[in-house]
N, C-alpha and C. Protein backbone atom coordinates (compact mmCIF):
# COMPACT_ATOMS: atom_id res chain seq x y z
N MET A 1 -16.43 -29.80 22.64
CA MET A 1 -16.16 -28.38 22.90
C MET A 1 -14.16 -28.10 23.07
N HIS A 2 -13.97 -29.00 23.46
CA HIS A 2 -12.55 -28.47 23.65
C HIS A 2 -11.78 -27.76 22.68
N GLY A 3 -11.94 -28.39 21.78
CA GLY A 3 -11.44 -28.03 19.97
C GLY A 3 -12.21 -26.65 19.74
N PHE A 4 -12.91 -26.33 20.20
CA PHE A 4 -13.92 -25.08 19.78
C PHE A 4 -13.34 -23.81 20.77
N LYS A 5 -12.85 -24.51 22.07
CA LYS A 5 -12.23 -23.54 22.93
C LYS A 5 -10.82 -22.99 22.37
N ARG A 6 -10.05 -23.95 21.99
CA ARG A 6 -8.95 -23.65 21.51
C ARG A 6 -8.77 -23.08 20.29
N LEU A 7 -9.96 -23.40 19.31
CA LEU A 7 -10.31 -22.38 17.97
C LEU A 7 -10.46 -20.61 18.15
N LEU A 8 -11.19 -20.64 19.19
CA LEU A 8 -11.44 -19.36 19.77
C LEU A 8 -10.28 -18.65 20.10
N ARG A 9 -9.43 -19.30 21.27
CA ARG A 9 -8.17 -18.96 21.60
C ARG A 9 -6.70 -18.61 20.95
N CYS A 10 -7.24 -19.30 19.26
CA CYS A 10 -6.13 -19.17 18.54
C CYS A 10 -6.05 -17.50 17.92
N GLU A 11 -4.81 -17.16 17.95
CA GLU A 11 -4.60 -16.21 17.42
C GLU A 11 -3.73 -15.64 16.42
N GLU A 12 -3.60 -16.98 15.53
CA GLU A 12 -3.06 -16.69 13.99
C GLU A 12 -3.59 -16.25 13.20
N GLY A 13 -5.08 -16.39 13.16
CA GLY A 13 -5.68 -16.05 11.73
C GLY A 13 -5.62 -14.35 12.11
N ALA A 14 -5.99 -13.79 13.54
CA ALA A 14 -5.50 -11.83 13.85
C ALA A 14 -4.41 -11.98 13.41
N ASN A 15 -3.35 -12.22 13.67
CA ASN A 15 -1.84 -11.92 13.24
C ASN A 15 -2.08 -11.59 12.01
N ALA A 16 -2.45 -12.67 11.02
CA ALA A 16 -2.28 -12.71 9.48
C ALA A 16 -3.16 -11.53 9.00
N ILE A 17 -4.35 -11.41 9.67
CA ILE A 17 -5.02 -10.08 9.10
C ILE A 17 -4.57 -8.81 9.06
N GLU A 18 -3.94 -8.80 10.34
CA GLU A 18 -3.40 -7.80 10.69
C GLU A 18 -2.12 -6.82 9.93
N TYR A 19 -1.18 -8.53 9.53
CA TYR A 19 -0.70 -8.29 8.88
C TYR A 19 -0.62 -7.70 7.06
N ALA A 20 -1.91 -8.64 6.67
CA ALA A 20 -2.43 -8.03 5.78
C ALA A 20 -2.92 -6.42 5.75
N LEU A 21 -3.46 -6.31 6.68
CA LEU A 21 -3.99 -4.84 6.84
C LEU A 21 -2.89 -3.83 6.67
N VAL A 22 -1.57 -4.21 7.19
CA VAL A 22 -0.55 -3.03 7.08
C VAL A 22 0.30 -3.44 5.70
N ALA A 23 0.14 -4.60 5.32
CA ALA A 23 0.89 -4.71 3.66
C ALA A 23 -0.43 -3.74 2.81
N THR A 24 -1.24 -3.76 3.16
CA THR A 24 -2.19 -3.11 2.10
C THR A 24 -2.18 -1.58 2.55
N LEU A 25 -2.08 -0.99 3.60
CA LEU A 25 -1.52 0.31 3.81
C LEU A 25 -0.49 0.62 3.01
N ILE A 26 0.70 0.30 3.44
CA ILE A 26 1.80 0.41 2.81
C ILE A 26 1.79 0.47 1.11
N ALA A 27 0.82 -0.67 0.61
CA ALA A 27 0.79 -0.60 -0.63
C ALA A 27 -0.28 0.66 -1.18
N ILE A 28 -0.48 1.28 -0.47
CA ILE A 28 -1.73 2.26 -0.90
C ILE A 28 -0.69 2.99 -0.75
N ALA A 29 -0.04 3.55 0.08
CA ALA A 29 1.13 4.71 0.42
C ALA A 29 2.01 4.86 -0.84
N ALA A 30 2.60 3.70 -1.19
CA ALA A 30 3.44 3.51 -2.07
C ALA A 30 2.54 3.80 -3.28
N LEU A 31 1.62 3.65 -3.62
CA LEU A 31 0.75 3.60 -4.94
C LEU A 31 0.84 5.21 -5.24
N ALA A 32 0.08 5.96 -3.83
CA ALA A 32 -0.16 7.30 -3.95
C ALA A 32 1.10 8.29 -4.11
N ALA A 33 2.49 7.51 -3.85
CA ALA A 33 3.73 8.47 -3.90
C ALA A 33 3.96 8.08 -5.27
N TYR A 34 4.18 6.98 -5.61
CA TYR A 34 4.07 6.86 -7.29
C TYR A 34 3.61 7.61 -8.17
N GLN A 35 2.40 8.03 -7.95
CA GLN A 35 1.54 8.78 -8.85
C GLN A 35 1.98 10.28 -8.75
N ASN A 36 1.98 10.23 -7.57
CA ASN A 36 2.41 11.84 -7.46
C ASN A 36 3.82 12.08 -8.09
N LEU A 37 4.76 11.36 -7.74
CA LEU A 37 6.33 11.23 -8.63
C LEU A 37 5.85 11.56 -9.76
N GLY A 38 5.14 10.54 -10.52
CA GLY A 38 5.20 10.34 -11.98
C GLY A 38 4.62 11.73 -12.34
N ASN A 39 3.49 12.54 -11.62
CA ASN A 39 2.51 13.75 -11.98
C ASN A 39 4.18 14.74 -12.11
N LYS A 40 4.97 14.56 -11.27
CA LYS A 40 5.90 15.47 -10.80
C LYS A 40 6.92 15.37 -12.41
N VAL A 41 7.30 14.30 -12.46
CA VAL A 41 8.14 13.58 -13.68
C VAL A 41 7.22 14.39 -15.40
N ASP A 42 6.39 14.16 -15.37
CA ASP A 42 5.40 14.30 -16.44
C ASP A 42 5.48 15.79 -16.24
N GLN A 43 5.38 16.72 -15.71
CA GLN A 43 5.30 18.36 -15.21
C GLN A 43 6.54 18.53 -15.96
N MET A 44 7.89 17.90 -15.12
CA MET A 44 9.06 18.71 -15.96
C MET A 44 9.61 18.20 -16.99
N TYR A 45 8.98 16.88 -17.52
CA TYR A 45 9.49 16.94 -19.26
C TYR A 45 8.55 17.92 -20.19
N ASN A 46 7.31 18.03 -19.51
CA ASN A 46 6.08 19.36 -20.16
C ASN A 46 7.17 20.55 -20.43
N ASN A 47 7.71 21.04 -19.19
CA ASN A 47 8.41 22.18 -19.09
C ASN A 47 9.85 22.31 -19.85
N VAL A 48 10.28 21.37 -19.96
CA VAL A 48 11.49 21.17 -20.64
C VAL A 48 11.37 21.12 -21.99
N SER A 49 10.20 20.33 -22.78
CA SER A 49 9.57 20.46 -24.12
C SER A 49 9.14 21.94 -24.37
N ASN A 50 8.70 22.23 -23.45
CA ASN A 50 7.77 23.80 -23.70
C ASN A 50 9.07 24.77 -24.16
N ASN A 51 10.07 24.88 -23.29
CA ASN A 51 11.32 26.05 -23.11
C ASN A 51 12.41 25.69 -24.45
N LEU A 52 12.09 24.37 -24.86
CA LEU A 52 12.88 24.13 -26.22
C LEU A 52 12.27 24.72 -27.45
N ARG A 53 10.90 25.24 -27.40
CA ARG A 53 10.52 25.05 -28.53
C ARG A 53 10.74 26.61 -28.80
């Protein structure tokens, strides 16, 4: 019973989950930013290509 109470008080797992959630949110934001940047670069090259014709 003492071990079970100690397990319930342990917060290391909760901290790991919080760090994982933060890392996941940062990764999602980075992917969205890279996708937006990629679309803008693609549009820029298309504009340059169209203006050279």
